[in-house]
C-alpha atoms as a PDB file:
ATOM      1  CA  MET A   1      25.428 -25.515  55.722  1.00  0.00           C
ATOM      2  CA  ASN A   2      22.672 -26.554  58.110  1.00  0.00           C
ATOM      3  CA  LYS A   3      20.018 -28.941  56.877  1.00  0.00           C
ATOM      4  CA  PHE A   4      17.226 -27.140  58.741  1.00  0.00           C
ATOM      5  CA  ILE A   5      16.370 -23.636  59.896  1.00  0.00           C
ATOM      6  CA  VAL A   6      14.473 -23.250  63.168  1.00  0.00           C
ATOM      7  CA  LEU A   7      12.885 -19.960  64.127  1.00  0.00           C
ATOM      8  CA  LYS A   8      11.178 -19.414  67.455  1.00  0.00           C
ATOM      9  CA  MET A   9       7.738 -17.864  66.969  1.00  0.00           C
ATOM     10  CA  GLU A  10       8.345 -15.466  69.854  1.00  0.00           C
ATOM     11  CA  ASP A  11      11.516 -14.198  68.128  1.00  0.00           C
ATOM     12  CA  ILE A  12       9.642 -13.688  64.874  1.00  0.00           C
ATOM     13  CA  LYS A  13       6.982 -11.627  66.651  1.00  0.00           C
ATOM     14  CA  ASP A  14       9.539  -9.671  68.695  1.00  0.00           C
ATOM     15  CA  HIS A  15      12.117  -8.943  65.983  1.00  0.00           C
ATOM     16  CA  LEU A  16      10.266  -8.683  62.666  1.00  0.00           C
ATOM     17  CA  THR A  17       7.898  -5.975  61.586  1.00  0.00           C
ATOM     18  CA  PHE A  18       4.359  -6.943  60.720  1.00  0.00           C
ATOM     19  CA  ASP A  19       5.196  -6.731  57.009  1.00  0.00           C
ATOM     20  CA  GLU A  20       8.290  -8.907  57.468  1.00  0.00           C
ATOM     21  CA  GLN A  21       6.167 -11.467  59.303  1.00  0.00           C
ATOM     22  CA  LEU A  22       3.736 -11.488  56.363  1.00  0.00           C
ATOM     23  CA  PHE A  23       6.612 -11.998  53.900  1.00  0.00           C
ATOM     24  CA  LEU A  24       8.026 -14.853  55.980  1.00  0.00           C
ATOM     25  CA  GLY A  25       4.589 -16.480  56.160  1.00  0.00           C
ATOM     26  CA  ALA A  26       4.201 -16.119  52.390  1.00  0.00           C
ATOM     27  CA  PHE A  27       7.604 -17.754  51.799  1.00  0.00           C
ATOM     28  CA  ILE A  28       6.714 -20.649  54.092  1.00  0.00           C
ATOM     29  CA  ASP A  29       3.334 -21.066  52.362  1.00  0.00           C
ATOM     30  CA  ARG A  30       5.057 -21.105  48.956  1.00  0.00           C
ATOM     31  CA  ILE A  31       7.543 -23.772  50.047  1.00  0.00           C
ATOM     32  CA  ASN A  32       4.728 -25.912  51.470  1.00  0.00           C
ATOM     33  CA  LEU A  33       2.679 -25.529  48.276  1.00  0.00           C
ATOM     34  CA  CYS A  34       5.681 -26.514  46.143  1.00  0.00           C
ATOM     35  CA  ARG A  35       6.316 -29.561  48.338  1.00  0.00           C
ATOM     36  CA  GLU A  36       2.689 -30.635  47.968  1.00  0.00           C
ATOM     37  CA  THR A  37       2.874 -30.119  44.181  1.00  0.00           C
ATOM     38  CA  GLU A  38       5.981 -32.333  44.119  1.00  0.00           C
ATOM     39  CA  GLY A  39       4.091 -35.019  46.062  1.00  0.00           C
ATOM     40  CA  LYS A  40       6.149 -34.441  49.197  1.00  0.00           C
ATOM     41  CA  ALA A  41       4.758 -34.201  52.698  1.00  0.00           C
ATOM     42  CA  VAL A  42       4.591 -30.914  54.553  1.00  0.00           C
ATOM     43  CA  ASN A  43       6.582 -32.044  57.547  1.00  0.00           C
ATOM     44  CA  ASP A  44       6.014 -31.292  61.215  1.00  0.00           C
ATOM     45  CA  TYR A  45       9.144 -31.385  63.353  1.00  0.00           C
ATOM     46  CA  VAL A  46      10.155 -31.772  66.982  1.00  0.00           C
ATOM     47  CA  VAL A  47      12.965 -29.442  68.053  1.00  0.00           C
ATOM     48  CA  ILE A  48      15.311 -30.146  70.950  1.00  0.00           C
ATOM     49  CA  ASN A  49      17.972 -27.701  72.072  1.00  0.00           C
ATOM     50  CA  ARG A  50      21.436 -29.216  72.145  1.00  0.00           C
ATOM     51  CA  ASP A  51      22.045 -27.873  75.654  1.00  0.00           C
ATOM     52  CA  GLU A  52      19.285 -30.016  77.182  1.00  0.00           C
ATOM     53  CA  PRO A  53      20.584 -32.540  79.754  1.00  0.00           C
ATOM     54  CA  TYR A  54      18.940 -35.449  77.863  1.00  0.00           C
ATOM     55  CA  ILE A  55      20.347 -34.593  74.419  1.00  0.00           C
ATOM     56  CA  ASN A  56      22.709 -37.596  74.386  1.00  0.00           C
ATOM     57  CA  GLU A  57      19.808 -39.981  74.958  1.00  0.00           C
ATOM     58  CA  VAL A  58      17.854 -38.398  72.114  1.00  0.00           C
ATOM     59  CA  THR A  59      20.774 -38.434  69.674  1.00  0.00           C
ATOM     60  CA  ASP A  60      21.550 -42.062  70.619  1.00  0.00           C
ATOM     61  CA  ILE A  61      17.979 -43.045  69.687  1.00  0.00           C
ATOM     62  CA  MET A  62      18.175 -41.062  66.437  1.00  0.00           C
ATOM     63  CA  ARG A  63      21.578 -42.591  65.603  1.00  0.00           C
ATOM     64  CA  LYS A  64      20.156 -46.086  66.236  1.00  0.00           C
ATOM     65  CA  HIS A  65      17.481 -45.420  63.613  1.00  0.00           C
ATOM     66  CA  GLY A  66      19.823 -43.804  61.078  1.00  0.00           C
ATOM     67  CA  HIS A  67      18.625 -40.240  61.631  1.00  0.00           C
ATOM     68  CA  TRP A  68      21.742 -38.696  63.150  1.00  0.00           C
ATOM     69  CA  GLU A  69      25.195 -38.116  61.770  1.00  0.00           C
ATOM     70  CA  ASP A  70      28.024 -37.180  64.139  1.00  0.00           C
ATOM     71  CA  ALA A  71      29.152 -34.379  61.785  1.00  0.00           C
ATOM     72  CA  GLU A  72      25.899 -32.468  62.341  1.00  0.00           C
END
């Protein structure tokens, strides 16, 4: 199972109905509220596609700092 789910905003707008977009937003809001209640940060992430020519440099840096596992 993946650790994260990434959805492109353009895909959400193009492929979900307005009501589905509202539901998704409500689910995200609920998760963020629960995280805050638990004293956890609401994180903000950087996403890099694995097919980018510089991906090895990025994963090397992440591996160096303990944020990358080869099984991912």
